[in-house]
């Protein structure tokens, strides 16, 4: 297993994203047939959006820098629509 710094990788991809016309840069850092969870680092510049896309399953979003707004069309989150769960975004 190779150790890597997510902060260093995020800085590198943010630099790449700023130079790209799309405002986005990504790299899969953990995957393969022997792994259940695929991990992909995505760097986005301010104001950049990702189009809706197919999702192979559950996902975890970890924000390393800045902020993000997640949105989904009604009913696209399956059970989450029936059992909403909110995470605190800051101090109470």
Protein backbone atom coordinates (compact mmCIF):
# COMPACT_ATOMS: atom_id res chain seq x y z
CA UNK A 1 0.00 0.00 0.00
CA UNK A 2 1.27 3.43 -0.95
CA UNK A 3 0.95 6.28 1.56
CA UNK A 4 -0.03 9.66 0.21
CA UNK A 5 -0.94 13.07 1.54
CA UNK A 6 -4.51 14.00 0.60
CA UNK A 7 -3.70 17.66 1.33
CA UNK A 8 -0.74 17.63 -1.08
CA UNK A 9 -2.74 15.76 -3.72
CA UNK A 10 -5.67 18.19 -3.31
CA UNK A 11 -3.35 21.20 -3.76
CA UNK A 12 -1.85 19.61 -6.89
CA UNK A 13 -5.28 18.92 -8.41
CA UNK A 14 -6.61 22.36 -7.50
CA UNK A 15 -3.69 23.90 -9.41
CA UNK A 16 -4.54 21.65 -12.36
CA UNK A 17 -8.25 22.53 -12.10
CA UNK A 18 -7.49 26.26 -12.13
CA UNK A 19 -5.53 25.80 -15.38
CA UNK A 20 -8.22 23.62 -16.99
CA UNK A 21 -11.11 25.11 -18.93
CA UNK A 22 -13.50 22.80 -17.09
CA UNK A 23 -12.41 24.02 -13.65
CA UNK A 24 -12.13 20.40 -12.56
CA UNK A 25 -9.39 17.83 -11.97
CA UNK A 26 -9.77 14.30 -10.59
CA UNK A 27 -7.83 11.14 -9.82
CA UNK A 28 -8.95 7.75 -8.58
CA UNK A 29 -6.73 6.97 -5.61
CA UNK A 30 -8.15 3.62 -4.46
CA UNK A 31 -10.03 1.11 -6.63
CA UNK A 32 -9.93 -2.25 -8.32
CA UNK A 33 -11.86 -5.50 -8.23
CA UNK A 34 -10.55 -6.37 -4.76
CA UNK A 35 -11.90 -3.11 -3.24
CA UNK A 36 -15.55 -2.51 -2.38
CA UNK A 37 -15.22 1.27 -2.10
CA UNK A 38 -13.69 3.30 -4.91
CA UNK A 39 -12.11 6.55 -3.73
CA UNK A 40 -11.74 9.47 -6.12
CA UNK A 41 -10.27 12.87 -5.31
CA UNK A 42 -12.05 15.69 -7.18
CA UNK A 43 -10.85 19.30 -7.18
CA UNK A 44 -13.25 22.03 -8.34
CA UNK A 45 -12.70 25.75 -8.72
CA UNK A 46 -15.22 28.24 -7.31
CA UNK A 47 -18.46 28.23 -9.30
CA UNK A 48 -17.76 24.90 -11.02
CA UNK A 49 -20.59 22.37 -11.12
CA UNK A 50 -20.71 18.68 -11.94
CA UNK A 51 -23.58 17.44 -14.08
CA UNK A 52 -25.82 14.72 -12.71
CA UNK A 53 -24.24 11.35 -13.41
CA UNK A 54 -24.70 7.64 -12.71
CA UNK A 55 -23.67 6.62 -9.22
CA UNK A 56 -22.59 3.01 -8.66
CA UNK A 57 -23.67 3.09 -5.01
CA UNK A 58 -23.16 4.84 -1.71
CA UNK A 59 -20.64 7.65 -1.44
CA UNK A 60 -18.85 9.66 1.21
CA UNK A 61 -17.94 13.27 0.52
CA UNK A 62 -15.00 14.69 2.44
CA UNK A 63 -14.30 18.43 1.97
CA UNK A 64 -10.59 19.22 2.37
CA UNK A 65 -10.75 22.93 1.57
CA UNK A 66 -13.44 25.51 0.88
CA UNK A 67 -17.08 24.50 0.74
CA UNK A 68 -19.56 22.66 -1.44
CA UNK A 69 -23.29 22.64 -2.13
CA UNK A 70 -24.89 19.26 -2.86
CA UNK A 71 -28.18 19.12 -4.72
CA UNK A 72 -30.27 16.31 -6.16
CA UNK A 73 -33.54 16.12 -8.00
CA UNK A 74 -36.52 14.92 -5.90
CA UNK A 75 -36.54 11.16 -5.36
CA UNK A 76 -33.00 10.63 -6.63
CA UNK A 77 -31.64 9.73 -3.19
CA UNK A 78 -33.98 6.77 -2.61
CA UNK A 79 -34.43 6.00 1.06
CA UNK A 80 -32.85 9.31 2.09
CA UNK A 81 -36.04 11.00 0.88
CA UNK A 82 -38.14 8.92 3.28
CA UNK A 83 -35.75 9.14 6.23
CA UNK A 84 -33.97 12.50 6.10
CA UNK A 85 -30.79 12.70 8.13
CA UNK A 86 -29.01 15.99 8.69
CA UNK A 87 -25.43 16.47 9.73
CA UNK A 88 -24.44 19.65 11.56
CA UNK A 89 -22.47 21.99 9.32
CA UNK A 90 -21.04 24.13 12.05
CA UNK A 91 -21.24 25.12 15.70
CA UNK A 92 -24.65 24.81 17.32
